[in-house]
PDB file of N, CA and C in Angstrom:
ATOM      1  N   MET A   1      30.939  -9.852  21.000  1.00  0.00           N
ATOM      2  CA  MET A   1      30.544  -8.988  20.001  1.00  0.00           C
ATOM      3  C   MET A   1      29.595  -9.605  18.897  1.00  0.00           C
ATOM      4  N   LEU A   2      29.946 -10.854  18.693  1.00  0.00           N
ATOM      5  CA  LEU A   2      29.186 -11.619  17.762  1.00  0.00           C
ATOM      6  C   LEU A   2      27.751 -11.728  18.145  1.00  0.00           C
ATOM      7  N   LYS A   3      27.470 -12.038  19.363  1.00  0.00           N
ATOM      8  CA  LYS A   3      26.203 -12.068  20.038  1.00  0.00           C
ATOM      9  C   LYS A   3      25.401 -10.947  19.729  1.00  0.00           C
ATOM     10  N   TYR A   4      25.957  -9.681  19.928  1.00  0.00           N
ATOM     11  CA  TYR A   4      25.328  -8.463  19.628  1.00  0.00           C
ATOM     12  C   TYR A   4      24.909  -8.266  18.204  1.00  0.00           C
ATOM     13  N   THR A   5      25.852  -8.681  17.288  1.00  0.00           N
ATOM     14  CA  THR A   5      25.624  -8.433  15.920  1.00  0.00           C
ATOM     15  C   THR A   5      24.484  -9.466  15.489  1.00  0.00           C
ATOM     16  N   LEU A   6      24.383 -10.666  15.994  1.00  0.00           N
ATOM     17  CA  LEU A   6      23.453 -11.585  15.534  1.00  0.00           C
ATOM     18  C   LEU A   6      22.106 -11.165  16.122  1.00  0.00           C
ATOM     19  N   ALA A   7      22.141 -10.642  17.425  1.00  0.00           N
ATOM     20  CA  ALA A   7      20.820 -10.153  17.998  1.00  0.00           C
ATOM     21  C   ALA A   7      20.262  -9.012  17.235  1.00  0.00           C
ATOM     22  N   ALA A   8      21.237  -8.020  16.888  1.00  0.00           N
ATOM     23  CA  ALA A   8      20.762  -6.976  16.062  1.00  0.00           C
ATOM     24  C   ALA A   8      20.172  -7.380  14.711  1.00  0.00           C
ATOM     25  N   GLY A   9      20.876  -8.313  14.067  1.00  0.00           N
ATOM     26  CA  GLY A   9      20.362  -8.896  12.787  1.00  0.00           C
ATOM     27  C   GLY A   9      19.036  -9.503  13.014  1.00  0.00           C
ATOM     28  N   LEU A  10      18.826 -10.269  13.912  1.00  0.00           N
ATOM     29  CA  LEU A  10      17.546 -10.884  14.161  1.00  0.00           C
ATOM     30  C   LEU A  10      16.536  -9.978  14.575  1.00  0.00           C
ATOM     31  N   LEU A  11      16.708  -8.944  15.237  1.00  0.00           N
ATOM     32  CA  LEU A  11      15.783  -7.848  15.504  1.00  0.00           C
ATOM     33  C   LEU A  11      15.399  -7.064  14.173  1.00  0.00           C
ATOM     34  N   LEU A  12      16.361  -6.834  13.488  1.00  0.00           N
ATOM     35  CA  LEU A  12      16.147  -6.202  12.112  1.00  0.00           C
ATOM     36  C   LEU A  12      15.232  -6.963  11.239  1.00  0.00           C
ATOM     37  N   ALA A  13      15.492  -8.359  11.153  1.00  0.00           N
ATOM     38  CA  ALA A  13      14.657  -9.217  10.345  1.00  0.00           C
ATOM     39  C   ALA A  13      13.232  -9.238  10.825  1.00  0.00           C
ATOM     40  N   ILE A  14      13.075  -9.305  12.070  1.00  0.00           N
ATOM     41  CA  ILE A  14      11.737  -9.279  12.586  1.00  0.00           C
ATOM     42  C   ILE A  14      11.028  -7.912  12.295  1.00  0.00           C
ATOM     43  N   ALA A  15      11.696  -6.840  12.552  1.00  0.00           N
ATOM     44  CA  ALA A  15      11.071  -5.547  12.391  1.00  0.00           C
ATOM     45  C   ALA A  15      10.869  -5.012  10.977  1.00  0.00           C
ATOM     46  N   THR A  16      11.625  -5.554   9.999  1.00  0.00           N
ATOM     47  CA  THR A  16      11.555  -5.197   8.692  1.00  0.00           C
ATOM     48  C   THR A  16      10.094  -5.205   8.064  1.00  0.00           C
ATOM     49  N   PRO A  17       9.465  -6.449   8.274  1.00  0.00           N
ATOM     50  CA  PRO A  17       8.093  -6.531   7.652  1.00  0.00           C
ATOM     51  C   PRO A  17       7.128  -5.533   8.244  1.00  0.00           C
ATOM     52  N   VAL A  18       7.341  -5.162   9.543  1.00  0.00           N
ATOM     53  CA  VAL A  18       6.397  -4.204  10.209  1.00  0.00           C
ATOM     54  C   VAL A  18       6.658  -2.807   9.593  1.00  0.00           C
ATOM     55  N   LEU A  19       7.933  -2.530   9.194  1.00  0.00           N
ATOM     56  CA  LEU A  19       8.320  -1.228   8.704  1.00  0.00           C
ATOM     57  C   LEU A  19       8.107  -1.140   7.260  1.00  0.00           C
ATOM     58  N   ALA A  20       7.507  -2.156   6.519  1.00  0.00           N
ATOM     59  CA  ALA A  20       7.376  -2.161   5.105  1.00  0.00           C
ATOM     60  C   ALA A  20       6.268  -1.243   4.753  1.00  0.00           C
ATOM     61  N   ASP A  21       6.394  -0.489   3.796  1.00  0.00           N
ATOM     62  CA  ASP A  21       5.263   0.414   3.258  1.00  0.00           C
ATOM     63  C   ASP A  21       4.229  -0.286   2.516  1.00  0.00           C
ATOM     64  N   GLU A  22       3.077   0.230   2.635  1.00  0.00           N
ATOM     65  CA  GLU A  22       1.924  -0.281   1.901  1.00  0.00           C
ATOM     66  C   GLU A  22       1.231   0.773   1.251  1.00  0.00           C
ATOM     67  N   TYR A  23       0.886   0.559   0.038  1.00  0.00           N
ATOM     68  CA  TYR A  23       0.096   1.521  -0.735  1.00  0.00           C
ATOM     69  C   TYR A  23      -1.223   1.035  -1.274  1.00  0.00           C
ATOM     70  N   TYR A  24      -2.202   1.839  -1.178  1.00  0.00           N
ATOM     71  CA  TYR A  24      -3.592   1.575  -1.677  1.00  0.00           C
ATOM     72  C   TYR A  24      -3.971   2.575  -2.685  1.00  0.00           C
ATOM     73  N   VAL A  25      -4.916   1.935  -3.573  1.00  0.00           N
ATOM     74  CA  VAL A  25      -5.505   2.892  -4.588  1.00  0.00           C
ATOM     75  C   VAL A  25      -6.940   3.062  -3.977  1.00  0.00           C
ATOM     76  N   ILE A  26      -7.361   4.286  -3.878  1.00  0.00           N
ATOM     77  CA  ILE A  26      -8.584   4.653  -3.331  1.00  0.00           C
ATOM     78  C   ILE A  26      -9.325   5.614  -4.277  1.00  0.00           C
ATOM     79  N   GLN A  27     -10.653   5.619  -4.155  1.00  0.00           N
ATOM     80  CA  GLN A  27     -11.504   6.388  -4.971  1.00  0.00           C
ATOM     81  C   GLN A  27     -12.345   7.320  -4.182  1.00  0.00           C
ATOM     82  N   ASP A  28     -12.384   8.567  -4.590  1.00  0.00           N
ATOM     83  CA  ASP A  28     -13.228   9.510  -3.862  1.00  0.00           C
ATOM     84  C   ASP A  28     -14.669   9.375  -4.460  1.00  0.00           C
ATOM     85  N   PRO A  29     -15.599   9.184  -3.554  1.00  0.00           N
ATOM     86  CA  PRO A  29     -16.884   8.867  -4.111  1.00  0.00           C
ATOM     87  C   PRO A  29     -17.650  10.073  -4.833  1.00  0.00           C
ATOM     88  N   THR A  30     -17.247  11.313  -4.490  1.00  0.00           N
ATOM     89  CA  THR A  30     -17.887  12.317  -5.219  1.00  0.00           C
ATOM     90  C   THR A  30     -17.341  12.747  -6.551  1.00  0.00           C
ATOM     91  N   THR A  31     -15.956  12.718  -6.578  1.00  0.00           N
ATOM     92  CA  THR A  31     -15.244  13.075  -7.796  1.00  0.00           C
ATOM     93  C   THR A  31     -14.969  11.775  -8.677  1.00  0.00           C
ATOM     94  N   LYS A  32     -15.047  10.581  -8.133  1.00  0.00           N
ATOM     95  CA  LYS A  32     -14.751   9.350  -8.813  1.00  0.00           C
ATOM     96  C   LYS A  32     -13.210   9.335  -9.235  1.00  0.00           C
ATOM     97  N   LYS A  33     -12.352  10.262  -8.640  1.00  0.00           N
ATOM     98  CA  LYS A  33     -11.002  10.260  -8.963  1.00  0.00           C
ATOM     99  C   LYS A  33     -10.208   9.291  -8.070  1.00  0.00           C
ATOM    100  N   CYS A  34      -9.280   8.506  -8.701  1.00  0.00           N
ATOM    101  CA  CYS A  34      -8.467   7.475  -7.903  1.00  0.00           C
ATOM    102  C   CYS A  34      -7.172   8.219  -7.434  1.00  0.00           C
ATOM    103  N   THR A  35      -6.723   7.817  -6.359  1.00  0.00           N
ATOM    104  CA  THR A  35      -5.368   8.386  -5.888  1.00  0.00           C
ATOM    105  C   THR A  35      -4.667   7.275  -5.096  1.00  0.00           C
ATOM    106  N   ILE A  36      -3.474   7.441  -4.803  1.00  0.00           N
ATOM    107  CA  ILE A  36      -2.683   6.421  -4.086  1.00  0.00           C
ATOM    108  C   ILE A  36      -2.424   7.012  -2.743  1.00  0.00           C
ATOM    109  N   VAL A  37      -2.436   6.249  -1.742  1.00  0.00           N
ATOM    110  CA  VAL A  37      -2.157   6.630  -0.383  1.00  0.00           C
ATOM    111  C   VAL A  37      -1.184   5.585   0.286  1.00  0.00           C
ATOM    112  N   ASN A  38      -0.506   5.977   1.220  1.00  0.00           N
ATOM    113  CA  ASN A  38       0.385   4.976   1.887  1.00  0.00           C
ATOM    114  C   ASN A  38      -0.207   4.574   3.282  1.00  0.00           C
ATOM    115  N   GLN A  39      -1.335   4.799   3.489  1.00  0.00           N
ATOM    116  CA  GLN A  39      -1.993   4.297   4.772  1.00  0.00           C
ATOM    117  C   GLN A  39      -3.402   3.864   4.481  1.00  0.00           C
ATOM    118  N   LYS A  40      -3.844   2.762   5.107  1.00  0.00           N
ATOM    119  CA  LYS A  40      -5.167   2.365   4.775  1.00  0.00           C
ATOM    120  C   LYS A  40      -6.196   3.241   5.300  1.00  0.00           C
ATOM    121  N   PRO A  41      -7.135   3.687   4.505  1.00  0.00           N
ATOM    122  CA  PRO A  41      -8.185   4.747   4.943  1.00  0.00           C
ATOM    123  C   PRO A  41      -8.919   4.208   6.033  1.00  0.00           C
ATOM    124  N   THR A  42      -9.220   5.070   6.982  1.00  0.00           N
ATOM    125  CA  THR A  42     -10.100   4.825   8.119  1.00  0.00           C
ATOM    126  C   THR A  42     -11.502   5.358   7.969  1.00  0.00           C
ATOM    127  N   THR A  43     -11.668   6.156   6.988  1.00  0.00           N
ATOM    128  CA  THR A  43     -13.017   6.759   6.914  1.00  0.00           C
ATOM    129  C   THR A  43     -13.867   5.916   5.925  1.00  0.00           C
ATOM    130  N   THR A  44     -15.116   6.033   6.121  1.00  0.00           N
ATOM    131  CA  THR A  44     -16.048   5.212   5.203  1.00  0.00           C
ATOM    132  C   THR A  44     -16.390   6.099   4.015  1.00  0.00           C
ATOM    133  N   THR A  45     -15.925   7.156   3.744  1.00  0.00           N
ATOM    134  CA  THR A  45     -16.166   8.045   2.634  1.00  0.00           C
ATOM    135  C   THR A  45     -15.258   7.689   1.436  1.00  0.00           C
ATOM    136  N   THR A  46     -14.241   6.923   1.599  1.00  0.00           N
ATOM    137  CA  THR A  46     -13.402   6.725   0.503  1.00  0.00           C
ATOM    138  C   THR A  46     -13.507   5.057   0.314  1.00  0.00           C
ATOM    139  N   THR A  47     -13.239   4.665  -0.830  1.00  0.00           N
ATOM    140  CA  THR A  47     -13.319   3.184  -1.156  1.00  0.00           C
ATOM    141  C   THR A  47     -11.872   2.721  -1.689  1.00  0.00           C
ATOM    142  N   ILE A  48     -11.457   1.664  -1.057  1.00  0.00           N
ATOM    143  CA  ILE A  48     -10.274   1.048  -1.519  1.00  0.00           C
ATOM    144  C   ILE A  48     -10.645   0.224  -2.886  1.00  0.00           C
ATOM    145  N   VAL A  49      -9.942   0.410  -3.943  1.00  0.00           N
ATOM    146  CA  VAL A  49     -10.275  -0.142  -5.152  1.00  0.00           C
ATOM    147  C   VAL A  49      -9.135  -1.146  -5.737  1.00  0.00           C
ATOM    148  N   ASN A  50      -8.253  -1.394  -4.774  1.00  0.00           N
ATOM    149  CA  ASN A  50      -7.162  -2.364  -5.214  1.00  0.00           C
ATOM    150  C   ASN A  50      -7.774  -3.695  -5.660  1.00  0.00           C
ATOM    151  N   GLU A  51      -7.317  -4.056  -6.841  1.00  0.00           N
ATOM    152  CA  GLU A  51      -7.932  -5.376  -7.325  1.00  0.00           C
ATOM    153  C   GLU A  51      -7.621  -6.664  -6.579  1.00  0.00           C
ATOM    154  N   ASN A  52      -8.417  -7.392  -6.285  1.00  0.00           N
ATOM    155  CA  ASN A  52      -8.380  -8.700  -5.428  1.00  0.00           C
ATOM    156  C   ASN A  52      -7.779  -8.456  -4.229  1.00  0.00           C
ATOM    157  N   GLY A  53      -7.907  -7.166  -3.592  1.00  0.00           N
ATOM    158  CA  GLY A  53      -7.343  -6.989  -2.216  1.00  0.00           C
ATOM    159  C   GLY A  53      -5.835  -6.861  -2.094  1.00  0.00           C
ATOM    160  N   VAL A  54      -5.246  -6.627  -3.266  1.00  0.00           N
ATOM    161  CA  VAL A  54      -3.778  -6.508  -3.360  1.00  0.00           C
ATOM    162  C   VAL A  54      -3.341  -5.364  -2.636  1.00  0.00           C
ATOM    163  N   VAL A  55      -2.338  -5.506  -1.687  1.00  0.00           N
ATOM    164  CA  VAL A  55      -1.680  -4.283  -1.137  1.00  0.00           C
ATOM    165  C   VAL A  55      -0.279  -4.177  -1.763  1.00  0.00           C
ATOM    166  N   TYR A  56      -0.106  -2.952  -2.328  1.00  0.00           N
ATOM    167  CA  TYR A  56       1.169  -2.686  -3.140  1.00  0.00           C
ATOM    168  C   TYR A  56       2.214  -2.383  -2.204  1.00  0.00           C
ATOM    169  N   LYS A  57       3.400  -2.862  -2.476  1.00  0.00           N
ATOM    170  CA  LYS A  57       4.576  -2.650  -1.690  1.00  0.00           C
ATOM    171  C   LYS A  57       5.426  -1.422  -2.034  1.00  0.00           C
ATOM    172  N   THR A  58       5.259  -0.956  -3.262  1.00  0.00           N
ATOM    173  CA  THR A  58       5.880   0.286  -3.675  1.00  0.00           C
ATOM    174  C   THR A  58       4.873   1.307  -4.374  1.00  0.00           C
ATOM    175  N   GLU A  59       5.126   2.487  -4.339  1.00  0.00           N
ATOM    176  CA  GLU A  59       4.295   3.515  -5.072  1.00  0.00           C
ATOM    177  C   GLU A  59       4.184   3.127  -6.555  1.00  0.00           C
ATOM    178  N   GLU A  60       5.452   2.656  -7.157  1.00  0.00           N
ATOM    179  CA  GLU A  60       5.337   2.452  -8.542  1.00  0.00           C
ATOM    180  C   GLU A  60       4.348   1.311  -8.882  1.00  0.00           C
ATOM    181  N   GLU A  61       4.487   0.116  -8.051  1.00  0.00           N
ATOM    182  CA  GLU A  61       3.508  -1.016  -8.251  1.00  0.00           C
ATOM    183  C   GLU A  61       2.084  -0.434  -8.174  1.00  0.00           C
ATOM    184  N   ALA A  62       1.805   0.502  -7.276  1.00  0.00           N
ATOM    185  CA  ALA A  62       0.393   1.092  -7.057  1.00  0.00           C
ATOM    186  C   ALA A  62       0.099   1.823  -8.296  1.00  0.00           C
ATOM    187  N   GLN A  63       0.974   2.513  -8.871  1.00  0.00           N
ATOM    188  CA  GLN A  63       0.622   3.441 -10.061  1.00  0.00           C
ATOM    189  C   GLN A  63       0.386   2.431 -11.198  1.00  0.00           C
ATOM    190  N   THR A  64       1.193   1.347 -11.405  1.00  0.00           N
ATOM    191  CA  THR A  64       0.974   0.424 -12.520  1.00  0.00           C
ATOM    192  C   THR A  64      -0.485  -0.280 -12.272  1.00  0.00           C
ATOM    193  N   GLY A  65      -0.678  -0.652 -10.984  1.00  0.00           N
ATOM    194  CA  GLY A  65      -1.949  -1.280 -10.663  1.00  0.00           C
ATOM    195  C   GLY A  65      -3.046  -0.403 -10.975  1.00  0.00           C
ATOM    196  N   MET A  66      -2.949   0.976 -10.625  1.00  0.00           N
ATOM    197  CA  MET A  66      -4.087   1.826 -10.907  1.00  0.00           C
ATOM    198  C   MET A  66      -4.608   1.998 -12.341  1.00  0.00           C
ATOM    199  N   LYS A  67      -3.504   1.807 -13.213  1.00  0.00           N
ATOM    200  CA  LYS A  67      -3.800   1.872 -14.708  1.00  0.00           C
ATOM    201  C   LYS A  67      -4.668   0.687 -15.102  1.00  0.00           C
ATOM    202  N   THR A  68      -4.584  -0.378 -14.290  1.00  0.00           N
ATOM    203  CA  THR A  68      -5.475  -1.579 -14.777  1.00  0.00           C
ATOM    204  C   THR A  68      -6.689  -1.712 -14.021  1.00  0.00           C
ATOM    205  N   ILE A  69      -6.919  -0.808 -13.116  1.00  0.00           N
ATOM    206  CA  ILE A  69      -8.171  -0.897 -12.323  1.00  0.00           C
ATOM    207  C   ILE A  69      -9.316  -0.264 -13.212  1.00  0.00           C
ATOM    208  N   LYS A  70     -10.383  -0.899 -13.403  1.00  0.00           N
ATOM    209  CA  LYS A  70     -11.383  -0.456 -14.365  1.00  0.00           C
ATOM    210  C   LYS A  70     -12.043   0.867 -13.844  1.00  0.00           C
ATOM    211  N   VAL A  71     -12.401   0.970 -12.624  1.00  0.00           N
ATOM    212  CA  VAL A  71     -12.998   2.210 -12.153  1.00  0.00           C
ATOM    213  C   VAL A  71     -12.122   3.366 -12.249  1.00  0.00           C
ATOM    214  N   CYS A  72     -10.796   3.152 -12.166  1.00  0.00           N
ATOM    215  CA  CYS A  72      -9.770   4.294 -12.332  1.00  0.00           C
ATOM    216  C   CYS A  72      -9.642   4.635 -13.794  1.00  0.00           C
ATOM    217  N   THR A  73      -9.815   3.756 -14.744  1.00  0.00           N
ATOM    218  CA  THR A  73      -9.474   4.095 -16.162  1.00  0.00           C
ATOM    219  C   THR A  73     -10.755   4.514 -16.945  1.00  0.00           C
ATOM    220  N   GLU A  74     -11.902   4.381 -16.395  1.00  0.00           N
ATOM    221  CA  GLU A  74     -13.254   4.854 -16.975  1.00  0.00           C
ATOM    222  C   GLU A  74     -13.324   6.346 -16.881  1.00  0.00           C
ATOM    223  N   LYS A  75     -13.709   7.028 -17.880  1.00  0.00           N
ATOM    224  CA  LYS A  75     -13.942   8.405 -17.898  1.00  0.00           C
ATOM    225  C   LYS A  75     -15.300   8.785 -18.143  1.00  0.00           C
TER     226      LYS A  75
END
């Protein structure tokens, strides 16, 4: 039983980083409005504006980061 528990724990430890959420701050080029998405955009019409290439781990981090990104705070 201990072998199975250790194997399950190891598998969980390996899979956890893969299952981690990633949040990106993107800007729509026409409206210049910034939004937060949980998948990296694959289209060329949106621009990722995360500062220094940071990938946020939580939505709260992304919201805080969006408040400091210059292109998102300019009106």
